[in-house]
N, C-alpha and C. Protein backbone atom coordinates (compact mmCIF):
# COMPACT_ATOMS: atom_id res chain seq x y z
N MET A 1 1.79 7.96 -9.49
CA MET A 1 2.39 7.12 -10.50
C MET A 1 1.33 6.85 -11.56
N ASN A 2 1.74 6.79 -12.79
CA ASN A 2 0.88 6.41 -13.90
C ASN A 2 1.28 5.03 -14.36
N ALA A 3 0.29 4.19 -14.64
CA ALA A 3 0.58 2.83 -15.08
C ALA A 3 -0.44 2.42 -16.14
N SER A 4 0.04 1.69 -17.11
CA SER A 4 -0.87 1.15 -18.12
C SER A 4 -1.28 -0.26 -17.71
N ILE A 5 -2.18 -0.82 -18.47
CA ILE A 5 -2.62 -2.18 -18.19
C ILE A 5 -1.44 -3.15 -18.29
N VAL A 6 -0.54 -2.90 -19.24
CA VAL A 6 0.64 -3.76 -19.40
C VAL A 6 1.54 -3.64 -18.17
N ASP A 7 1.66 -2.42 -17.61
CA ASP A 7 2.47 -2.24 -16.39
C ASP A 7 1.88 -3.04 -15.24
N LEU A 8 0.56 -3.09 -15.16
CA LEU A 8 -0.06 -3.88 -14.09
C LEU A 8 0.31 -5.35 -14.21
N ARG A 9 0.47 -5.79 -15.44
CA ARG A 9 0.78 -7.20 -15.64
C ARG A 9 2.26 -7.51 -15.40
N TYR A 10 3.13 -6.68 -15.97
CA TYR A 10 4.55 -7.01 -15.95
C TYR A 10 5.37 -6.26 -14.89
N LYS A 11 4.85 -5.18 -14.36
CA LYS A 11 5.60 -4.38 -13.38
C LYS A 11 4.78 -4.17 -12.10
N MET A 12 4.10 -5.21 -11.68
CA MET A 12 3.26 -5.09 -10.49
C MET A 12 4.08 -4.74 -9.26
N SER A 13 5.32 -5.21 -9.18
CA SER A 13 6.14 -4.90 -8.01
C SER A 13 6.38 -3.39 -7.91
N GLU A 14 6.55 -2.71 -9.05
CA GLU A 14 6.73 -1.26 -9.02
C GLU A 14 5.45 -0.56 -8.58
N VAL A 15 4.32 -1.08 -9.01
CA VAL A 15 3.03 -0.51 -8.59
C VAL A 15 2.85 -0.69 -7.09
N LEU A 16 3.19 -1.85 -6.58
CA LEU A 16 3.08 -2.09 -5.14
C LEU A 16 4.05 -1.24 -4.35
N ASP A 17 5.24 -1.00 -4.90
CA ASP A 17 6.20 -0.11 -4.24
C ASP A 17 5.65 1.31 -4.16
N ALA A 18 4.99 1.76 -5.23
CA ALA A 18 4.40 3.10 -5.22
C ALA A 18 3.29 3.18 -4.17
N LEU A 19 2.50 2.15 -4.05
CA LEU A 19 1.46 2.13 -3.02
C LEU A 19 2.08 2.13 -1.63
N ALA A 20 3.21 1.45 -1.47
CA ALA A 20 3.89 1.43 -0.18
C ALA A 20 4.42 2.82 0.18
N ARG A 21 4.73 3.61 -0.85
CA ARG A 21 5.18 4.99 -0.63
C ARG A 21 3.99 5.93 -0.46
N ARG A 22 2.78 5.37 -0.39
CA ARG A 22 1.54 6.12 -0.21
C ARG A 22 1.21 6.99 -1.41
N GLU A 23 1.56 6.53 -2.63
CA GLU A 23 1.24 7.25 -3.86
C GLU A 23 -0.03 6.69 -4.48
N ARG A 24 -0.77 7.53 -5.14
CA ARG A 24 -1.93 7.08 -5.91
C ARG A 24 -1.43 6.57 -7.25
N VAL A 25 -2.01 5.50 -7.76
CA VAL A 25 -1.62 4.94 -9.04
C VAL A 25 -2.78 5.11 -10.01
N THR A 26 -2.54 5.88 -11.08
CA THR A 26 -3.56 6.11 -12.10
C THR A 26 -3.39 5.06 -13.19
N ILE A 27 -4.46 4.37 -13.52
CA ILE A 27 -4.43 3.29 -14.51
C ILE A 27 -4.95 3.82 -15.85
N PHE A 28 -4.16 3.60 -16.91
CA PHE A 28 -4.54 4.02 -18.25
C PHE A 28 -4.79 2.80 -19.13
N TYR A 29 -5.80 2.92 -20.00
CA TYR A 29 -6.11 1.87 -20.97
C TYR A 29 -6.34 2.58 -22.30
N HIS A 30 -5.50 2.31 -23.27
CA HIS A 30 -5.52 2.98 -24.57
C HIS A 30 -5.43 4.49 -24.42
N GLY A 31 -4.60 4.94 -23.46
CA GLY A 31 -4.36 6.35 -23.27
C GLY A 31 -5.41 7.10 -22.48
N LYS A 32 -6.46 6.40 -22.03
CA LYS A 32 -7.52 7.05 -21.27
C LYS A 32 -7.52 6.52 -19.85
N VAL A 33 -7.81 7.39 -18.91
CA VAL A 33 -7.84 6.99 -17.51
C VAL A 33 -9.01 6.04 -17.28
N LYS A 34 -8.71 4.86 -16.73
CA LYS A 34 -9.74 3.88 -16.41
C LYS A 34 -10.02 3.82 -14.92
N GLY A 35 -9.05 4.21 -14.10
CA GLY A 35 -9.27 4.16 -12.67
C GLY A 35 -8.04 4.61 -11.91
N VAL A 36 -8.22 4.66 -10.60
CA VAL A 36 -7.14 5.08 -9.72
C VAL A 36 -7.08 4.09 -8.56
N ILE A 37 -5.89 3.62 -8.24
CA ILE A 37 -5.69 2.77 -7.08
C ILE A 37 -5.16 3.67 -5.97
N VAL A 38 -5.88 3.70 -4.86
CA VAL A 38 -5.54 4.56 -3.74
C VAL A 38 -4.99 3.69 -2.62
N PRO A 39 -3.89 4.10 -1.97
CA PRO A 39 -3.36 3.29 -0.87
C PRO A 39 -4.38 3.16 0.26
N ALA A 40 -4.40 2.01 0.89
CA ALA A 40 -5.33 1.76 1.99
C ALA A 40 -4.93 2.61 3.18
N GLU A 41 -5.96 3.05 3.91
CA GLU A 41 -5.70 3.81 5.12
C GLU A 41 -5.23 2.86 6.21
N GLU A 42 -4.25 3.30 6.94
CA GLU A 42 -3.78 2.48 8.05
C GLU A 42 -4.73 2.63 9.22
N ARG A 43 -4.97 1.54 9.90
CA ARG A 43 -5.86 1.58 11.05
C ARG A 43 -5.17 2.28 12.21
N SER A 44 -5.93 3.11 12.85
CA SER A 44 -5.38 3.79 14.01
C SER A 44 -5.71 2.99 15.27
N ASN A 45 -4.90 3.13 16.25
CA ASN A 45 -5.11 2.42 17.51
C ASN A 45 -5.84 3.33 18.50
N SER A 46 -6.97 3.86 18.06
CA SER A 46 -7.72 4.75 18.93
C SER A 46 -8.63 3.94 19.85
N LYS A 47 -8.99 4.56 20.93
CA LYS A 47 -9.83 3.90 21.91
C LYS A 47 -11.29 4.01 21.49
N ALA A 48 -12.08 3.05 21.94
CA ALA A 48 -13.50 3.05 21.61
C ALA A 48 -14.20 4.27 22.20
N SER A 49 -13.71 4.77 23.30
CA SER A 49 -14.35 5.93 23.93
C SER A 49 -14.19 7.20 23.09
N LYS A 50 -13.28 7.20 22.13
CA LYS A 50 -13.08 8.36 21.26
C LYS A 50 -14.00 8.31 20.03
N HIS A 51 -14.77 7.22 19.87
CA HIS A 51 -15.67 7.07 18.73
C HIS A 51 -16.80 8.09 18.85
N PRO A 52 -17.27 8.63 17.72
CA PRO A 52 -18.32 9.65 17.76
C PRO A 52 -19.62 9.19 18.43
N PHE A 53 -19.88 7.88 18.49
CA PHE A 53 -21.11 7.39 19.12
C PHE A 53 -21.17 7.76 20.59
N PHE A 54 -20.05 7.71 21.27
CA PHE A 54 -20.04 7.99 22.69
C PHE A 54 -20.29 9.48 22.93
N GLY A 55 -21.21 9.76 23.80
CA GLY A 55 -21.61 11.13 24.06
C GLY A 55 -22.76 11.59 23.19
N MET A 56 -23.10 10.78 22.18
CA MET A 56 -24.19 11.13 21.28
C MET A 56 -25.52 11.12 22.03
N ALA A 57 -25.66 10.18 22.93
CA ALA A 57 -26.90 10.06 23.68
C ALA A 57 -26.61 10.34 25.16
N SER A 58 -26.10 11.51 25.43
CA SER A 58 -25.71 11.82 26.81
C SER A 58 -26.91 11.91 27.74
N GLY A 59 -28.09 12.18 27.20
CA GLY A 59 -29.28 12.26 28.03
C GLY A 59 -29.97 10.92 28.19
N GLU A 60 -29.37 9.87 27.68
CA GLU A 60 -29.96 8.52 27.72
C GLU A 60 -30.01 8.02 29.15
N LYS A 61 -31.15 7.44 29.54
CA LYS A 61 -31.33 6.92 30.89
C LYS A 61 -30.93 5.46 31.01
N LYS A 62 -30.84 4.75 29.87
CA LYS A 62 -30.51 3.33 29.88
C LYS A 62 -29.02 3.13 30.11
N ALA A 63 -28.69 1.96 30.62
CA ALA A 63 -27.28 1.61 30.80
C ALA A 63 -26.63 1.38 29.44
N VAL A 64 -25.34 1.58 29.37
CA VAL A 64 -24.60 1.40 28.12
C VAL A 64 -24.77 -0.02 27.59
N GLU A 65 -24.72 -1.00 28.48
CA GLU A 65 -24.87 -2.39 28.06
C GLU A 65 -26.22 -2.63 27.41
N GLN A 66 -27.27 -2.02 27.94
CA GLN A 66 -28.61 -2.20 27.39
C GLN A 66 -28.72 -1.55 26.01
N VAL A 67 -28.15 -0.37 25.86
CA VAL A 67 -28.18 0.31 24.56
C VAL A 67 -27.43 -0.51 23.53
N MET A 68 -26.25 -1.02 23.89
CA MET A 68 -25.47 -1.82 22.95
C MET A 68 -26.19 -3.11 22.59
N GLU A 69 -26.86 -3.73 23.56
CA GLU A 69 -27.62 -4.95 23.30
C GLU A 69 -28.75 -4.67 22.31
N GLU A 70 -29.42 -3.54 22.46
CA GLU A 70 -30.48 -3.17 21.53
C GLU A 70 -29.94 -2.92 20.12
N LEU A 71 -28.78 -2.32 20.03
CA LEU A 71 -28.17 -2.07 18.73
C LEU A 71 -27.74 -3.36 18.04
N ARG A 72 -27.30 -4.32 18.81
CA ARG A 72 -26.76 -5.56 18.25
C ARG A 72 -27.80 -6.64 18.02
N GLU A 73 -29.00 -6.49 18.56
CA GLU A 73 -29.99 -7.55 18.42
C GLU A 73 -30.44 -7.68 16.97
N GLY A 74 -30.91 -8.85 16.64
CA GLY A 74 -31.32 -9.13 15.28
C GLY A 74 -32.66 -8.49 14.93
N ARG A 75 -33.14 -8.84 13.76
CA ARG A 75 -34.40 -8.29 13.30
C ARG A 75 -35.55 -9.24 13.55
N GLY A 76 -35.39 -10.17 14.46
CA GLY A 76 -36.40 -11.19 14.73
C GLY A 76 -37.73 -10.62 15.22
N ARG A 77 -37.69 -9.51 15.92
CA ARG A 77 -38.91 -8.92 16.45
C ARG A 77 -39.59 -7.94 15.47
N ASP A 78 -39.00 -7.75 14.30
CA ASP A 78 -39.56 -6.79 13.34
C ASP A 78 -40.79 -7.32 12.63
N ILE A 79 -40.96 -8.61 12.62
CA ILE A 79 -42.09 -9.19 11.86
C ILE A 79 -43.33 -9.20 12.70
């Protein structure tokens, strides 16, 4: 869908309908492209075990809990 700045102001419902149809909306200002509104990706209900991190360190000797704790700890010990 193509929309001008005026369309964004007065026809926002049509722009939102186009996004609901998973269409990209190109924004024009004085006849020149200023930007593109892209529909948000829907979140998938995938399992954490399917994340690329798992299996990355298959040779790791530490327990998963210990590795995750190290990843989540703050930067307090960096100084």
